[in-house]
């Protein structure tokens, strides 16, 4: 298993993929919004390889791209308890804000919650 990265515009974002036997089995896409806010972006791992630590490795790589001293936020589906617990274990806390993305499946808007991981300088 390996993690590979690609940055078309290094200062704005990057794509990291987890590869197993020449197949992409997970990815994450950290980026910086036009406002300057740093965001985890997408993080997905195929169900067939969940529980192998890939989500952890991808998130750690995502956060390393942002650097330890930077605040980084994400949005998570309000109903996804597993994802909320995963991000909490990695230092993310709820901000009390709703996500601003318009995530819809079959015309139904999915509620999202915002979480942030404070940079080391901000937490001290």
C-alpha atoms as a PDB file:
ATOM      1  CA  UNK A   1       0.000   0.000   0.000  1.00  0.00           C
ATOM      2  CA  UNK A   2       1.342   3.443  -0.848  1.00  0.00           C
ATOM      3  CA  UNK A   3       0.159   7.048  -0.877  1.00  0.00           C
ATOM      4  CA  UNK A   4       0.866   9.119  -3.974  1.00  0.00           C
ATOM      5  CA  UNK A   5       0.331  12.841  -4.437  1.00  0.00           C
ATOM      6  CA  UNK A   6      -0.347  15.165  -7.333  1.00  0.00           C
ATOM      7  CA  UNK A   7      -0.477  18.955  -7.175  1.00  0.00           C
ATOM      8  CA  UNK A   8      -1.492  20.832 -10.304  1.00  0.00           C
ATOM      9  CA  UNK A   9      -1.504  24.105  -8.313  1.00  0.00           C
ATOM     10  CA  UNK A  10       0.557  23.341  -5.162  1.00  0.00           C
ATOM     11  CA  UNK A  11      -0.455  26.453  -3.225  1.00  0.00           C
ATOM     12  CA  UNK A  12      -4.190  25.840  -3.755  1.00  0.00           C
ATOM     13  CA  UNK A  13      -4.669  22.128  -3.315  1.00  0.00           C
ATOM     14  CA  UNK A  14      -3.449  18.619  -3.870  1.00  0.00           C
ATOM     15  CA  UNK A  15      -4.796  15.129  -4.499  1.00  0.00           C
ATOM     16  CA  UNK A  16      -3.477  12.122  -2.587  1.00  0.00           C
ATOM     17  CA  UNK A  17      -4.437   8.558  -3.427  1.00  0.00           C
ATOM     18  CA  UNK A  18      -3.934   5.254  -1.648  1.00  0.00           C
ATOM     19  CA  UNK A  19      -2.871   2.571  -4.115  1.00  0.00           C
ATOM     20  CA  UNK A  20      -3.027  -1.186  -3.583  1.00  0.00           C
ATOM     21  CA  UNK A  21      -2.026  -3.608  -6.345  1.00  0.00           C
ATOM     22  CA  UNK A  22      -2.255  -0.829  -8.987  1.00  0.00           C
ATOM     23  CA  UNK A  23      -5.808   0.069  -7.872  1.00  0.00           C
ATOM     24  CA  UNK A  24      -6.795   3.341  -6.225  1.00  0.00           C
ATOM     25  CA  UNK A  25      -8.569   2.359  -3.006  1.00  0.00           C
ATOM     26  CA  UNK A  26      -8.831   5.757  -1.319  1.00  0.00           C
ATOM     27  CA  UNK A  27      -8.177   9.442  -1.814  1.00  0.00           C
ATOM     28  CA  UNK A  28      -8.149  12.799  -0.106  1.00  0.00           C
ATOM     29  CA  UNK A  29      -8.031  16.301  -1.545  1.00  0.00           C
ATOM     30  CA  UNK A  30      -6.869  19.098   0.790  1.00  0.00           C
ATOM     31  CA  UNK A  31      -7.275  22.619  -0.509  1.00  0.00           C
ATOM     32  CA  UNK A  32      -7.311  26.290   0.392  1.00  0.00           C
ATOM     33  CA  UNK A  33     -10.510  28.189  -0.332  1.00  0.00           C
ATOM     34  CA  UNK A  34     -10.409  31.592  -2.034  1.00  0.00           C
ATOM     35  CA  UNK A  35     -11.087  33.141   1.404  1.00  0.00           C
ATOM     36  CA  UNK A  36      -7.870  31.537   2.706  1.00  0.00           C
ATOM     37  CA  UNK A  37      -9.618  28.939   4.877  1.00  0.00           C
ATOM     38  CA  UNK A  38      -7.909  25.561   4.820  1.00  0.00           C
ATOM     39  CA  UNK A  39     -10.155  22.576   4.222  1.00  0.00           C
ATOM     40  CA  UNK A  40      -9.739  18.816   4.416  1.00  0.00           C
ATOM     41  CA  UNK A  41     -11.927  18.474   1.316  1.00  0.00           C
ATOM     42  CA  UNK A  42     -12.823  14.964   0.283  1.00  0.00           C
ATOM     43  CA  UNK A  43     -11.619  11.843   2.071  1.00  0.00           C
ATOM     44  CA  UNK A  44     -12.886   8.459   0.880  1.00  0.00           C
ATOM     45  CA  UNK A  45     -11.779   4.869   1.325  1.00  0.00           C
ATOM     46  CA  UNK A  46     -13.391   1.941  -0.491  1.00  0.00           C
ATOM     47  CA  UNK A  47     -15.529  -0.198   1.834  1.00  0.00           C
ATOM     48  CA  UNK A  48     -13.461  -3.288   0.955  1.00  0.00           C
ATOM     49  CA  UNK A  49     -10.363  -1.783   2.599  1.00  0.00           C
ATOM     50  CA  UNK A  50     -11.941   0.130   5.468  1.00  0.00           C
ATOM     51  CA  UNK A  51     -10.493  -0.791   8.849  1.00  0.00           C
ATOM     52  CA  UNK A  52      -6.942  -1.091   7.454  1.00  0.00           C
ATOM     53  CA  UNK A  53      -5.835   2.332   8.697  1.00  0.00           C
ATOM     54  CA  UNK A  54      -5.960   3.956   5.258  1.00  0.00           C
ATOM     55  CA  UNK A  55      -8.372   6.691   6.339  1.00  0.00           C
ATOM     56  CA  UNK A  56      -5.975   7.577   9.144  1.00  0.00           C
ATOM     57  CA  UNK A  57      -2.965   7.629   6.811  1.00  0.00           C
ATOM     58  CA  UNK A  58      -4.790   9.721   4.223  1.00  0.00           C
ATOM     59  CA  UNK A  59      -6.016  12.213   6.823  1.00  0.00           C
ATOM     60  CA  UNK A  60      -2.540  12.495   8.329  1.00  0.00           C
ATOM     61  CA  UNK A  61      -1.117  13.203   4.855  1.00  0.00           C
ATOM     62  CA  UNK A  62      -3.878  15.748   4.245  1.00  0.00           C
ATOM     63  CA  UNK A  63      -3.108  17.529   7.524  1.00  0.00           C
ATOM     64  CA  UNK A  64       0.641  17.445   6.853  1.00  0.00           C
ATOM     65  CA  UNK A  65      -0.030  19.246   3.561  1.00  0.00           C
ATOM     66  CA  UNK A  66      -1.815  21.986   5.527  1.00  0.00           C
ATOM     67  CA  UNK A  67       0.925  22.063   8.240  1.00  0.00           C
ATOM     68  CA  UNK A  68       0.513  21.656  11.985  1.00  0.00           C
ATOM     69  CA  UNK A  69       0.271  25.388  12.748  1.00  0.00           C
ATOM     70  CA  UNK A  70      -2.777  25.975  10.546  1.00  0.00           C
ATOM     71  CA  UNK A  71      -6.460  25.684  11.422  1.00  0.00           C
ATOM     72  CA  UNK A  72      -8.147  23.164   9.123  1.00  0.00           C
ATOM     73  CA  UNK A  73     -11.858  22.576   8.812  1.00  0.00           C
ATOM     74  CA  UNK A  74     -14.190  20.071   7.201  1.00  0.00           C
ATOM     75  CA  UNK A  75     -17.855  19.308   6.905  1.00  0.00           C
ATOM     76  CA  UNK A  76     -19.334  15.944   7.774  1.00  0.00           C
ATOM     77  CA  UNK A  77     -22.807  14.510   7.184  1.00  0.00           C
ATOM     78  CA  UNK A  78     -24.778  15.081  10.395  1.00  0.00           C
ATOM     79  CA  UNK A  79     -26.040  11.479  10.421  1.00  0.00           C
ATOM     80  CA  UNK A  80     -22.612   9.855   9.849  1.00  0.00           C
ATOM     81  CA  UNK A  81     -21.655   8.878  13.404  1.00  0.00           C
ATOM     82  CA  UNK A  82     -18.675   6.807  12.274  1.00  0.00           C
ATOM     83  CA  UNK A  83     -17.148   9.735  10.372  1.00  0.00           C
ATOM     84  CA  UNK A  84     -17.799  12.185  13.221  1.00  0.00           C
ATOM     85  CA  UNK A  85     -16.037   9.861  15.668  1.00  0.00           C
ATOM     86  CA  UNK A  86     -13.159   9.319  13.222  1.00  0.00           C
ATOM     87  CA  UNK A  87     -12.539  13.060  12.883  1.00  0.00           C
ATOM     88  CA  UNK A  88     -12.926  13.636  16.650  1.00  0.00           C
ATOM     89  CA  UNK A  89     -10.195  11.021  17.275  1.00  0.00           C
ATOM     90  CA  UNK A  90      -7.958  13.118  15.017  1.00  0.00           C
ATOM     91  CA  UNK A  91      -8.491  16.313  17.008  1.00  0.00           C
ATOM     92  CA  UNK A  92     -11.444  17.864  15.178  1.00  0.00           C
ATOM     93  CA  UNK A  93     -14.182  19.552  17.224  1.00  0.00           C
ATOM     94  CA  UNK A  94     -17.621  20.790  16.250  1.00  0.00           C
ATOM     95  CA  UNK A  95     -17.910  24.526  15.653  1.00  0.00           C
ATOM     96  CA  UNK A  96     -21.692  24.692  16.059  1.00  0.00           C
ATOM     97  CA  UNK A  97     -22.005  25.796  12.435  1.00  0.00           C
ATOM     98  CA  UNK A  98     -23.901  23.993   9.717  1.00  0.00           C
ATOM     99  CA  UNK A  99     -21.977  23.002   6.588  1.00  0.00           C
ATOM    100  CA  UNK A 100     -22.479  25.345   3.661  1.00  0.00           C
ATOM    101  CA  UNK A 101     -22.138  22.738   0.913  1.00  0.00           C
ATOM    102  CA  UNK A 102     -25.281  21.748  -0.929  1.00  0.00           C
ATOM    103  CA  UNK A 103     -24.922  17.973  -0.715  1.00  0.00           C
ATOM    104  CA  UNK A 104     -27.999  16.342  -2.246  1.00  0.00           C
ATOM    105  CA  UNK A 105     -28.794  12.713  -2.986  1.00  0.00           C
ATOM    106  CA  UNK A 106     -31.883  11.983  -5.084  1.00  0.00           C
ATOM    107  CA  UNK A 107     -33.011  15.567  -4.487  1.00  0.00           C
ATOM    108  CA  UNK A 108     -32.762  15.306  -0.692  1.00  0.00           C
ATOM    109  CA  UNK A 109     -30.347  17.793   0.889  1.00  0.00           C
ATOM    110  CA  UNK A 110     -28.094  16.108   3.434  1.00  0.00           C
ATOM    111  CA  UNK A 111     -27.442  18.161   6.587  1.00  0.00           C
ATOM    112  CA  UNK A 112     -23.770  18.749   7.310  1.00  0.00           C
ATOM    113  CA  UNK A 113     -21.911  19.921  10.388  1.00  0.00           C
ATOM    114  CA  UNK A 114     -18.670  21.871  10.464  1.00  0.00           C
ATOM    115  CA  UNK A 115     -15.662  20.609  12.426  1.00  0.00           C
ATOM    116  CA  UNK A 116     -12.272  22.277  12.900  1.00  0.00           C
ATOM    117  CA  UNK A 117      -8.840  21.133  13.996  1.00  0.00           C
ATOM    118  CA  UNK A 118      -7.070  24.087  15.514  1.00  0.00           C
ATOM    119  CA  UNK A 119      -3.467  24.642  14.542  1.00  0.00           C
ATOM    120  CA  UNK A 120      -0.854  24.171  17.249  1.00  0.00           C
ATOM    121  CA  UNK A 121      -0.260  27.919  17.577  1.00  0.00           C
ATOM    122  CA  UNK A 122      -4.008  28.568  18.005  1.00  0.00           C
ATOM    123  CA  UNK A 123      -4.476  25.778  20.556  1.00  0.00           C
ATOM    124  CA  UNK A 124      -1.594  26.911  22.807  1.00  0.00           C
END
